[in-house]
Amino acid sequence: MKKINTSLMLIIVNLAFSQVGVSKNPTVEIHNKAILQIDGKYGGKNFGMMLPEVSSPDNLPLYAPAASDPEMTGMMMFEKTHATFYSYDGAKWNNEPTAADFKIKQSRFLSNADEEISVVCVLLGCGRHVGLGFSAPVDGQKSYNNLGIIRETAVVPGGGLYTDQSFDNAKFVINQAGVYDIYLNVPSKTGGAVSLTSGPQYQLRAYLKQPDNSFNEVKLTTFSPDYYGILGIGGDTNTAAFTTTRIRLNPGDYIVSRIQSPLATVSVVVTLTAATNTNIASFYPREIIFTKVSD
């Protein structure tokens, strides 16, 4: 790196307005609202300013939470490992503008601790479908809605001998046209006794609005959690299932996630539970994330 004698740099001071301009040029125009202005143009090229840098966040001055200095409020530094800027608010270092970038085109919805729901298949009968709710409040931190998606009640066909049912906060109506990645994670419990065919599974379905205001139903993905058993006997109380899919959506289209079970199954008892409780909701929640990847 070339060392430059700072005495060669031109510093222009306007004493009447207490303004300072820094430039390699003979003159610099200082905006009337600026106390300090740095001119990065010289010799037909653009130059930048380099802030003091650290290699990792824990090398920032007073990074430890127990240490603070209100008089240091406003200090800025560059953390080069993750190429991000930090600013000090008087108690801690923040880089929220950078950390929030990924959320700008994303919506994330979580379930409450009381939204556990199951489908049980007995003997040759099954065929019941239930919606998965995501009713936790949007708090702007763990859950957020920067795409203007609307949560609504979903009416899910019961299947077989079951009637249609309504499930709160299981329908997500799109407001912005674009290509979306949709990620769905469902903590689960499974159980089976002599299950010889596939039982209940999770599904993600899209309903695409047509010019006549009808909807075309599209099955996007079918998935299920790991099942620990021998010849269909056994299960697991602590497993999960997840899926990711990509689809172009337009305003008015909507997405529904649900437990889908076959109309007939060869089993004594098969159970799939979209599990949740206080611990699951806090640390490993049921979640659905919409990310708009392009227009």
C-alpha atoms as a PDB file:
ATOM      1  CA  MET A   1       0.000   0.000   0.000  1.00  0.00           C
ATOM      2  CA  LYS A   2       1.352   3.414  -0.973  1.00  0.00           C
ATOM      3  CA  LYS A   3       1.995   5.761   1.918  1.00  0.00           C
ATOM      4  CA  ILE A   4       0.960   9.356   1.401  1.00  0.00           C
ATOM      5  CA  ASN A   5       2.205  12.284   3.425  1.00  0.00           C
ATOM      6  CA  THR A   6      -1.014  13.825   4.745  1.00  0.00           C
ATOM      7  CA  SER A   7       0.610  17.240   4.688  1.00  0.00           C
ATOM      8  CA  LEU A   8       0.215  17.189   0.894  1.00  0.00           C
ATOM      9  CA  MET A   9      -3.550  16.882   1.175  1.00  0.00           C
ATOM     10  CA  LEU A  10      -5.406  20.137   0.767  1.00  0.00           C
ATOM     11  CA  ILE A  11      -7.627  21.034   3.674  1.00  0.00           C
ATOM     12  CA  ILE A  12      -9.897  23.958   3.023  1.00  0.00           C
ATOM     13  CA  VAL A  13     -11.473  25.660   5.991  1.00  0.00           C
ATOM     14  CA  ASN A  14     -14.318  28.123   5.741  1.00  0.00           C
ATOM     15  CA  LEU A  15     -13.999  29.994   9.014  1.00  0.00           C
ATOM     16  CA  ALA A  16     -17.154  32.004   8.546  1.00  0.00           C
ATOM     17  CA  PHE A  17     -19.359  28.906   8.666  1.00  0.00           C
ATOM     18  CA  SER A  18     -17.038  26.478  10.537  1.00  0.00           C
ATOM     19  CA  GLN A  19     -16.907  24.111   7.588  1.00  0.00           C
ATOM     20  CA  VAL A  20     -14.056  21.815   6.527  1.00  0.00           C
ATOM     21  CA  GLY A  21     -13.420  20.392   3.084  1.00  0.00           C
ATOM     22  CA  VAL A  22     -10.794  17.722   2.308  1.00  0.00           C
ATOM     23  CA  SER A  23      -9.564  17.303  -1.263  1.00  0.00           C
ATOM     24  CA  LYS A  24      -6.530  16.595  -3.442  1.00  0.00           C
ATOM     25  CA  ASN A  25      -7.804  19.323  -5.775  1.00  0.00           C
ATOM     26  CA  PRO A  26      -6.929  23.027  -5.415  1.00  0.00           C
ATOM     27  CA  THR A  27     -10.534  23.850  -4.536  1.00  0.00           C
ATOM     28  CA  VAL A  28     -13.599  22.017  -3.272  1.00  0.00           C
ATOM     29  CA  GLU A  29     -17.219  23.144  -3.122  1.00  0.00           C
ATOM     30  CA  ILE A  30     -18.652  22.550   0.337  1.00  0.00           C
ATOM     31  CA  HIS A  31     -22.395  22.149   0.710  1.00  0.00           C
ATOM     32  CA  ASN A  32     -23.880  24.780   2.977  1.00  0.00           C
ATOM     33  CA  LYS A  33     -25.277  22.064   5.324  1.00  0.00           C
ATOM     34  CA  ALA A  34     -22.027  20.117   5.636  1.00  0.00           C
ATOM     35  CA  ILE A  35     -19.604  20.584   8.530  1.00  0.00           C
ATOM     36  CA  LEU A  36     -17.139  18.207   6.861  1.00  0.00           C
ATOM     37  CA  GLN A  37     -17.044  17.307   3.167  1.00  0.00           C
ATOM     38  CA  ILE A  38     -14.574  14.935   1.521  1.00  0.00           C
ATOM     39  CA  ASP A  39     -14.007  15.250  -2.214  1.00  0.00           C
ATOM     40  CA  GLY A  40     -13.241  11.871  -3.794  1.00  0.00           C
ATOM     41  CA  LYS A  41     -12.660  13.090  -7.365  1.00  0.00           C
ATOM     42  CA  TYR A  42      -9.107  13.661  -8.573  1.00  0.00           C
ATOM     43  CA  GLY A  43      -7.353  13.277 -11.910  1.00  0.00           C
ATOM     44  CA  GLY A  44     -10.502  11.958 -13.613  1.00  0.00           C
ATOM     45  CA  LYS A  45     -10.847   9.134 -11.087  1.00  0.00           C
ATOM     46  CA  ASN A  46     -13.038   8.481  -8.051  1.00  0.00           C
ATOM     47  CA  PHE A  47     -11.509   7.747  -4.678  1.00  0.00           C
ATOM     48  CA  GLY A  48     -13.138   6.553  -1.452  1.00  0.00           C
ATOM     49  CA  MET A  49     -12.736   6.832   2.283  1.00  0.00           C
ATOM     50  CA  MET A  50     -11.532   3.951   4.452  1.00  0.00           C
ATOM     51  CA  LEU A  51     -12.815   3.689   8.000  1.00  0.00           C
ATOM     52  CA  PRO A  52     -10.880   2.028  10.814  1.00  0.00           C
ATOM     53  CA  GLU A  53     -11.359  -1.744  10.490  1.00  0.00           C
ATOM     54  CA  VAL A  54     -11.437  -4.856  12.646  1.00  0.00           C
ATOM     55  CA  SER A  55     -11.246  -8.498  11.582  1.00  0.00           C
ATOM     56  CA  SER A  56     -14.262  -9.666  13.610  1.00  0.00           C
ATOM     57  CA  PRO A  57     -17.080  -8.088  15.663  1.00  0.00           C
ATOM     58  CA  ASP A  58     -15.548  -9.062  19.004  1.00  0.00           C
ATOM     59  CA  ASN A  59     -12.554  -6.856  18.186  1.00  0.00           C
ATOM     60  CA  LEU A  60     -14.717  -3.734  18.161  1.00  0.00           C
ATOM     61  CA  PRO A  61     -13.966  -1.320  21.039  1.00  0.00           C
ATOM     62  CA  LEU A  62     -16.137  -2.106  24.073  1.00  0.00           C
ATOM     63  CA  TYR A  63     -17.763  -5.029  22.222  1.00  0.00           C
ATOM     64  CA  ALA A  64     -18.447  -6.936  25.445  1.00  0.00           C
ATOM     65  CA  PRO A  65     -22.080  -6.324  26.550  1.00  0.00           C
ATOM     66  CA  ALA A  66     -20.952  -5.470  30.086  1.00  0.00           C
ATOM     67  CA  ALA A  67     -18.910  -2.518  28.818  1.00  0.00           C
ATOM     68  CA  SER A  68     -20.469   0.651  27.460  1.00  0.00           C
ATOM     69  CA  ASP A  69     -19.603   4.292  26.888  1.00  0.00           C
ATOM     70  CA  PRO A  70     -22.395   6.727  25.952  1.00  0.00           C
ATOM     71  CA  GLU A  71     -19.784   9.292  24.948  1.00  0.00           C
ATOM     72  CA  MET A  72     -18.698   6.947  22.133  1.00  0.00           C
ATOM     73  CA  THR A  73     -22.178   7.139  20.538  1.00  0.00           C
ATOM     74  CA  GLY A  74     -21.949   7.573  16.782  1.00  0.00           C
ATOM     75  CA  MET A  75     -18.593   5.851  16.264  1.00  0.00           C
ATOM     76  CA  MET A  76     -18.418   3.795  13.054  1.00  0.00           C
ATOM     77  CA  MET A  77     -16.075   0.962  12.116  1.00  0.00           C
ATOM     78  CA  PHE A  78     -15.742  -1.568   9.319  1.00  0.00           C
ATOM     79  CA  GLU A  79     -15.728  -5.314  10.065  1.00  0.00           C
ATOM     80  CA  LYS A  80     -13.884  -6.850   7.121  1.00  0.00           C
ATOM     81  CA  THR A  81     -14.591 -10.575   7.585  1.00  0.00           C
ATOM     82  CA  HIS A  82     -18.279 -10.085   6.781  1.00  0.00           C
ATOM     83  CA  ALA A  83     -17.783  -6.809   4.894  1.00  0.00           C
ATOM     84  CA  THR A  84     -20.209  -4.883   7.064  1.00  0.00           C
ATOM     85  CA  PHE A  85     -20.311  -1.541   8.881  1.00  0.00           C
ATOM     86  CA  TYR A  86     -21.013  -1.188  12.592  1.00  0.00           C
ATOM     87  CA  SER A  87     -22.209   1.870  14.479  1.00  0.00           C
ATOM     88  CA  TYR A  88     -22.206   2.402  18.241  1.00  0.00           C
ATOM     89  CA  ASP A  89     -25.449   3.552  19.891  1.00  0.00           C
ATOM     90  CA  GLY A  90     -23.992   4.318  23.311  1.00  0.00           C
ATOM     91  CA  ALA A  91     -24.516   0.829  24.711  1.00  0.00           C
ATOM     92  CA  LYS A  92     -23.794  -1.658  21.930  1.00  0.00           C
ATOM     93  CA  TRP A  93     -22.626  -2.052  18.345  1.00  0.00           C
ATOM     94  CA  ASN A  94     -25.247  -2.442  15.610  1.00  0.00           C
ATOM     95  CA  ASN A  95     -25.257  -3.285  11.943  1.00  0.00           C
ATOM     96  CA  GLU A  96     -29.038  -3.513  11.533  1.00  0.00           C
ATOM     97  CA  PRO A  97     -29.231  -1.989   8.032  1.00  0.00           C
ATOM     98  CA  THR A  98     -27.025  -4.803   6.745  1.00  0.00           C
ATOM     99  CA  ALA A  99     -28.621  -7.493   8.889  1.00  0.00           C
ATOM    100  CA  ALA A 100     -32.075  -6.476   7.706  1.00  0.00           C
ATOM    101  CA  ASP A 101     -31.237  -6.515   4.000  1.00  0.00           C
ATOM    102  CA  PHE A 102     -32.319 -10.123   3.559  1.00  0.00           C
ATOM    103  CA  LYS A 103     -35.697  -9.342   5.114  1.00  0.00           C
ATOM    104  CA  ILE A 104     -36.596  -6.580   2.686  1.00  0.00           C
ATOM    105  CA  LYS A 105     -38.074  -9.017   0.167  1.00  0.00           C
ATOM    106  CA  GLN A 106     -39.176 -11.639   2.638  1.00  0.00           C
ATOM    107  CA  SER A 107     -42.115 -12.563   4.872  1.00  0.00           C
ATOM    108  CA  ARG A 108     -41.888 -15.091   7.702  1.00  0.00           C
ATOM    109  CA  PHE A 109     -44.857 -16.462   9.641  1.00  0.00           C
ATOM    110  CA  LEU A 110     -44.686 -18.665  12.759  1.00  0.00           C
ATOM    111  CA  SER A 111     -47.131 -20.865  14.636  1.00  0.00           C
ATOM    112  CA  ASN A 112     -48.355 -20.407  18.175  1.00  0.00           C
ATOM    113  CA  ALA A 113     -47.685 -22.954  20.917  1.00  0.00           C
ATOM    114  CA  ASP A 114     -51.292 -24.197  20.815  1.00  0.00           C
ATOM    115  CA  GLU A 115     -51.533 -25.040  17.102  1.00  0.00           C
ATOM    116  CA  GLU A 116     -50.684 -28.742  17.282  1.00  0.00           C
ATOM    117  CA  ILE A 117     -52.833 -30.779  14.919  1.00  0.00           C
ATOM    118  CA  SER A 118     -52.913 -34.454  13.895  1.00  0.00           C
ATOM    119  CA  VAL A 119     -54.286 -36.831  11.303  1.00  0.00           C
ATOM    120  CA  VAL A 120     -54.895 -40.449  12.329  1.00  0.00           C
ATOM    121  CA  CYS A 121     -55.489 -43.242   9.806  1.00  0.00           C
ATOM    122  CA  VAL A 122     -57.212 -46.344  11.166  1.00  0.00           C
ATOM    123  CA  LEU A 123     -57.573 -49.683   9.365  1.00  0.00           C
ATOM    124  CA  LEU A 124     -58.465 -49.067   5.698  1.00  0.00           C
ATOM    125  CA  GLY A 125     -59.809 -45.597   6.183  1.00  0.00           C
ATOM    126  CA  CYS A 126     -58.036 -42.303   6.090  1.00  0.00           C
ATOM    127  CA  GLY A 127     -58.684 -39.482   3.634  1.00  0.00           C
ATOM    128  CA  ARG A 128     -58.746 -36.582   6.100  1.00  0.00           C
ATOM    129  CA  HIS A 129     -57.062 -33.261   5.207  1.00  0.00           C
ATOM    130  CA  VAL A 130     -56.314 -30.482   7.722  1.00  0.00           C
ATOM    131  CA  GLY A 131     -54.760 -27.051   7.338  1.00  0.00           C
ATOM    132  CA  LEU A 132     -51.611 -25.872   9.123  1.00  0.00           C
ATOM    133  CA  GLY A 133     -52.005 -22.588  10.951  1.00  0.00           C
ATOM    134  CA  PHE A 134     -49.354 -19.907  11.469  1.00  0.00           C
ATOM    135  CA  SER A 135     -51.031 -17.603  13.966  1.00  0.00           C
ATOM    136  CA  ALA A 136     -48.138 -16.098  15.927  1.00  0.00           C
ATOM    137  CA  PRO A 137     -48.209 -12.265  15.867  1.00  0.00           C
ATOM    138  CA  VAL A 138     -45.894 -10.555  13.395  1.00  0.00           C
ATOM    139  CA  ASP A 139     -43.402  -8.833  15.714  1.00  0.00           C
ATOM    140  CA  GLY A 140     -40.966  -7.442  13.130  1.00  0.00           C
ATOM    141  CA  GLN A 141     -38.103  -9.451  14.646  1.00  0.00           C
ATOM    142  CA  LYS A 142     -38.637 -13.211  14.585  1.00  0.00           C
ATOM    143  CA  SER A 143     -41.597 -12.849  12.276  1.00  0.00           C
ATOM    144  CA  TYR A 144     -42.059 -10.134   9.675  1.00  0.00           C
ATOM    145  CA  ASN A 145     -44.147  -9.359   6.619  1.00  0.00           C
ATOM    146  CA  ASN A 146     -42.293  -7.103   4.205  1.00  0.00           C
ATOM    147  CA  LEU A 147     -44.151  -8.417   1.146  1.00  0.00           C
ATOM    148  CA  GLY A 148     -47.636  -7.408   2.258  1.00  0.00           C
ATOM    149  CA  ILE A 149     -48.880 -11.010   2.294  1.00  0.00           C
ATOM    150  CA  ILE A 150     -52.313 -11.402   3.875  1.00  0.00           C
ATOM    151  CA  ARG A 151     -53.029 -14.233   6.334  1.00  0.00           C
ATOM    152  CA  GLU A 152     -56.575 -15.549   6.103  1.00  0.00           C
ATOM    153  CA  THR A 153     -58.702 -18.508   7.149  1.00  0.00           C
ATOM    154  CA  ALA A 154     -58.321 -21.457   4.780  1.00  0.00           C
ATOM    155  CA  VAL A 155     -61.202 -23.764   3.927  1.00  0.00           C
ATOM    156  CA  VAL A 156     -59.705 -27.226   3.408  1.00  0.00           C
ATOM    157  CA  PRO A 157     -61.692 -30.080   1.837  1.00  0.00           C
ATOM    158  CA  GLY A 158     -62.195 -32.711   4.506  1.00  0.00           C
ATOM    159  CA  GLY A 159     -61.608 -35.651   2.162  1.00  0.00           C
ATOM    160  CA  GLY A 160     -63.378 -39.010   2.225  1.00  0.00           C
ATOM    161  CA  LEU A 161     -66.256 -38.958   4.671  1.00  0.00           C
ATOM    162  CA  TYR A 162     -65.100 -35.738   6.324  1.00  0.00           C
ATOM    163  CA  THR A 163     -66.671 -32.337   5.741  1.00  0.00           C
ATOM    164  CA  ASP A 164     -64.775 -29.211   4.750  1.00  0.00           C
ATOM    165  CA  GLN A 165     -63.199 -27.384   7.670  1.00  0.00           C
ATOM    166  CA  SER A 166     -61.846 -23.893   8.323  1.00  0.00           C
ATOM    167  CA  PHE A 167     -58.340 -23.333   9.696  1.00  0.00           C
ATOM    168  CA  ASP A 168     -57.248 -19.923  10.950  1.00  0.00           C
ATOM    169  CA  ASN A 169     -54.149 -18.278   9.454  1.00  0.00           C
ATOM    170  CA  ALA A 170     -53.487 -21.155   7.055  1.00  0.00           C
ATOM    171  CA  LYS A 171     -54.022 -19.215   3.819  1.00  0.00           C
ATOM    172  CA  PHE A 172     -51.509 -16.697   2.457  1.00  0.00           C
ATOM    173  CA  VAL A 173     -52.701 -14.279  -0.210  1.00  0.00           C
ATOM    174  CA  ILE A 174     -50.043 -12.689  -2.433  1.00  0.00           C
ATOM    175  CA  ASN A 175     -50.018  -8.931  -3.092  1.00  0.00           C
ATOM    176  CA  GLN A 176     -46.843  -8.505  -5.165  1.00  0.00           C
ATOM    177  CA  ALA A 177     -46.259 -10.214  -8.495  1.00  0.00           C
ATOM    178  CA  GLY A 178     -42.968 -12.071  -8.771  1.00  0.00           C
ATOM    179  CA  VAL A 179     -41.056 -15.307  -8.496  1.00  0.00           C
ATOM    180  CA  TYR A 180     -41.138 -16.671  -4.939  1.00  0.00           C
ATOM    181  CA  ASP A 181     -39.123 -19.210  -3.010  1.00  0.00           C
ATOM    182  CA  ILE A 182     -41.380 -20.775  -0.378  1.00  0.00           C
ATOM    183  CA  TYR A 183     -39.811 -22.606   2.555  1.00  0.00           C
ATOM    184  CA  LEU A 184     -41.949 -24.636   4.966  1.00  0.00           C
ATOM    185  CA  ASN A 185     -40.694 -26.342   8.137  1.00  0.00           C
ATOM    186  CA  VAL A 186     -42.938 -28.469  10.375  1.00  0.00           C
ATOM    187  CA  PRO A 187     -41.702 -30.033  13.654  1.00  0.00           C
ATOM    188  CA  SER A 188     -43.519 -33.358  13.849  1.00  0.00           C
ATOM    189  CA  LYS A 189     -44.412 -36.530  15.707  1.00  0.00           C
ATOM    190  CA  THR A 190     -45.064 -39.814  13.916  1.00  0.00           C
ATOM    191  CA  GLY A 191     -46.537 -43.119  14.980  1.00  0.00           C
ATOM    192  CA  GLY A 192     -47.509 -46.358  13.271  1.00  0.00           C
ATOM    193  CA  ALA A 193     -48.588 -49.912  13.937  1.00  0.00           C
ATOM    194  CA  VAL A 194     -48.407 -52.303  10.986  1.00  0.00           C
ATOM    195  CA  SER A 195     -48.466 -49.603   8.351  1.00  0.00           C
ATOM    196  CA  LEU A 196     -47.840 -51.196   4.946  1.00  0.00           C
ATOM    197  CA  THR A 197     -48.659 -48.225   2.730  1.00  0.00           C
ATOM    198  CA  SER A 198     -47.936 -44.531   2.852  1.00  0.00           C
ATOM    199  CA  GLY A 199     -49.929 -42.605   5.397  1.00  0.00           C
ATOM    200  CA  PRO A 200     -50.528 -38.899   5.979  1.00  0.00           C
ATOM    201  CA  GLN A 201     -48.063 -36.460   4.449  1.00  0.00           C
ATOM    202  CA  TYR A 202     -47.606 -32.702   4.311  1.00  0.00           C
ATOM    203  CA  GLN A 203     -48.494 -30.800   1.163  1.00  0.00           C
ATOM    204  CA  LEU A 204     -47.969 -27.276  -0.093  1.00  0.00           C
ATOM    205  CA  ARG A 205     -50.608 -26.147  -2.590  1.00  0.00           C
ATOM    206  CA  ALA A 206     -50.985 -23.037  -4.722  1.00  0.00           C
ATOM    207  CA  TYR A 207     -54.259 -21.560  -5.923  1.00  0.00           C
ATOM    208  CA  LEU A 208     -53.697 -19.451  -9.009  1.00  0.00           C
ATOM    209  CA  LYS A 209     -56.293 -16.814  -9.828  1.00  0.00           C
ATOM    210  CA  GLN A 210     -57.754 -17.005 -13.351  1.00  0.00           C
ATOM    211  CA  PRO A 211     -59.204 -14.166 -15.495  1.00  0.00           C
ATOM    212  CA  ASP A 212     -62.749 -15.283 -14.581  1.00  0.00           C
ATOM    213  CA  ASN A 213     -61.828 -15.052 -10.841  1.00  0.00           C
ATOM    214  CA  SER A 214     -61.806 -18.828 -10.441  1.00  0.00           C
ATOM    215  CA  PHE A 215     -58.725 -20.584  -9.054  1.00  0.00           C
ATOM    216  CA  ASN A 216     -56.547 -23.281 -10.543  1.00  0.00           C
ATOM    217  CA  GLU A 217     -55.254 -25.588  -7.793  1.00  0.00           C
ATOM    218  CA  VAL A 218     -51.641 -26.762  -8.127  1.00  0.00           C
ATOM    219  CA  LYS A 219     -49.929 -29.297  -5.854  1.00  0.00           C
ATOM    220  CA  LEU A 220     -46.442 -27.895  -5.347  1.00  0.00           C
ATOM    221  CA  THR A 221     -44.777 -30.419  -3.039  1.00  0.00           C
ATOM    222  CA  THR A 222     -45.576 -33.494  -0.952  1.00  0.00           C
ATOM    223  CA  PHE A 223     -43.186 -34.334   1.893  1.00  0.00           C
ATOM    224  CA  SER A 224     -43.031 -36.097   5.245  1.00  0.00           C
ATOM    225  CA  PRO A 225     -40.718 -36.377   8.282  1.00  0.00           C
ATOM    226  CA  ASP A 226     -38.228 -39.181   8.829  1.00  0.00           C
ATOM    227  CA  TYR A 227     -39.987 -42.275  10.146  1.00  0.00           C
ATOM    228  CA  TYR A 228     -38.094 -44.547  12.508  1.00  0.00           C
ATOM    229  CA  GLY A 229     -39.731 -47.948  12.529  1.00  0.00           C
ATOM    230  CA  ILE A 230     -39.547 -51.534  11.288  1.00  0.00           C
ATOM    231  CA  LEU A 231     -42.212 -52.735   8.859  1.00  0.00           C
ATOM    232  CA  GLY A 232     -44.192 -49.671   9.701  1.00  0.00           C
ATOM    233  CA  ILE A 233     -44.110 -50.276  13.442  1.00  0.00           C
ATOM    234  CA  GLY A 234     -42.765 -47.445  15.566  1.00  0.00           C
ATOM    235  CA  GLY A 235     -42.375 -43.725  15.110  1.00  0.00           C
ATOM    236  CA  ASP A 236     -40.698 -40.685  16.586  1.00  0.00           C
ATOM    237  CA  THR A 237     -41.774 -37.901  18.906  1.00  0.00           C
ATOM    238  CA  ASN A 238     -39.082 -35.442  17.867  1.00  0.00           C
ATOM    239  CA  THR A 239     -38.554 -35.132  14.138  1.00  0.00           C
ATOM    240  CA  ALA A 240     -39.279 -32.624  11.412  1.00  0.00           C
ATOM    241  CA  ALA A 241     -40.182 -32.196   7.779  1.00  0.00           C
ATOM    242  CA  PHE A 242     -39.333 -29.353   5.465  1.00  0.00           C
ATOM    243  CA  THR A 243     -39.572 -28.396   1.818  1.00  0.00           C
ATOM    244  CA  THR A 244     -38.601 -25.586  -0.523  1.00  0.00           C
ATOM    245  CA  THR A 245     -40.213 -24.744  -3.837  1.00  0.00           C
ATOM    246  CA  ARG A 246     -40.176 -21.923  -6.370  1.00  0.00           C
ATOM    247  CA  ILE A 247     -43.175 -20.548  -8.252  1.00  0.00           C
ATOM    248  CA  ARG A 248     -44.300 -17.388 -10.031  1.00  0.00           C
ATOM    249  CA  LEU A 249     -47.240 -15.783  -8.228  1.00  0.00           C
ATOM    250  CA  ASN A 250     -49.517 -12.855  -9.005  1.00  0.00           C
ATOM    251  CA  PRO A 251     -51.711 -10.668  -6.792  1.00  0.00           C
ATOM    252  CA  GLY A 252     -54.705 -12.678  -5.629  1.00  0.00           C
ATOM    253  CA  ASP A 253     -52.954 -16.046  -5.811  1.00  0.00           C
ATOM    254  CA  TYR A 254     -52.719 -17.844  -2.500  1.00  0.00           C
ATOM    255  CA  ILE A 255     -50.838 -20.648  -0.776  1.00  0.00           C
ATOM    256  CA  VAL A 256     -52.159 -23.259   1.674  1.00  0.00           C
ATOM    257  CA  SER A 257     -50.121 -25.842   3.596  1.00  0.00           C
ATOM    258  CA  ARG A 258     -51.883 -28.875   4.986  1.00  0.00           C
ATOM    259  CA  ILE A 259     -51.685 -32.490   6.112  1.00  0.00           C
ATOM    260  CA  GLN A 260     -52.865 -34.620   3.211  1.00  0.00           C
ATOM    261  CA  SER A 261     -53.866 -38.233   3.814  1.00  0.00           C
ATOM    262  CA  PRO A 262     -54.740 -40.926   1.278  1.00  0.00           C
ATOM    263  CA  LEU A 263     -58.349 -42.017   0.916  1.00  0.00           C
ATOM    264  CA  ALA A 264     -57.349 -45.592   1.713  1.00  0.00           C
ATOM    265  CA  THR A 265     -54.385 -47.059   3.524  1.00  0.00           C
ATOM    266  CA  VAL A 266     -53.353 -50.544   4.622  1.00  0.00           C
ATOM    267  CA  SER A 267     -52.616 -50.053   8.296  1.00  0.00           C
ATOM    268  CA  VAL A 268     -53.917 -50.533  11.803  1.00  0.00           C
ATOM    269  CA  VAL A 269     -53.028 -47.051  13.031  1.00  0.00           C
ATOM    270  CA  VAL A 270     -50.870 -44.348  11.456  1.00  0.00           C
ATOM    271  CA  THR A 271     -50.506 -40.868  12.964  1.00  0.00           C
ATOM    272  CA  LEU A 272     -48.854 -37.700  11.716  1.00  0.00           C
ATOM    273  CA  THR A 273     -48.822 -34.734  14.092  1.00  0.00           C
ATOM    274  CA  ALA A 274     -47.688 -31.211  13.234  1.00  0.00           C
ATOM    275  CA  ALA A 275     -46.270 -30.698  16.702  1.00  0.00           C
ATOM    276  CA  THR A 276     -45.855 -27.531  18.679  1.00  0.00           C
ATOM    277  CA  ASN A 277     -45.588 -26.485  22.304  1.00  0.00           C
ATOM    278  CA  THR A 278     -43.989 -23.655  24.223  1.00  0.00           C
ATOM    279  CA  ASN A 279     -40.426 -24.880  23.655  1.00  0.00           C
ATOM    280  CA  ILE A 280     -40.950 -25.737  19.997  1.00  0.00           C
ATOM    281  CA  ALA A 281     -42.635 -22.407  19.306  1.00  0.00           C
ATOM    282  CA  SER A 282     -39.775 -20.541  20.977  1.00  0.00           C
ATOM    283  CA  PHE A 283     -36.750 -22.423  19.682  1.00  0.00           C
ATOM    284  CA  TYR A 284     -37.756 -24.514  16.675  1.00  0.00           C
ATOM    285  CA  PRO A 285     -41.075 -23.194  15.411  1.00  0.00           C
ATOM    286  CA  ARG A 286     -43.329 -24.250  12.612  1.00  0.00           C
ATOM    287  CA  GLU A 287     -42.581 -21.616   9.991  1.00  0.00           C
ATOM    288  CA  ILE A 288     -43.363 -20.637   6.436  1.00  0.00           C
ATOM    289  CA  ILE A 289     -41.076 -18.155   4.664  1.00  0.00           C
ATOM    290  CA  PHE A 290     -41.805 -16.356   1.403  1.00  0.00           C
ATOM    291  CA  THR A 291     -38.818 -14.842  -0.394  1.00  0.00           C
ATOM    292  CA  LYS A 292     -39.348 -12.777  -3.540  1.00  0.00           C
ATOM    293  CA  VAL A 293     -36.341 -13.577  -5.724  1.00  0.00           C
ATOM    294  CA  SER A 294     -37.307 -11.534  -8.803  1.00  0.00           C
ATOM    295  CA  ASP A 295     -40.082  -9.544 -10.391  1.00  0.00           C
END
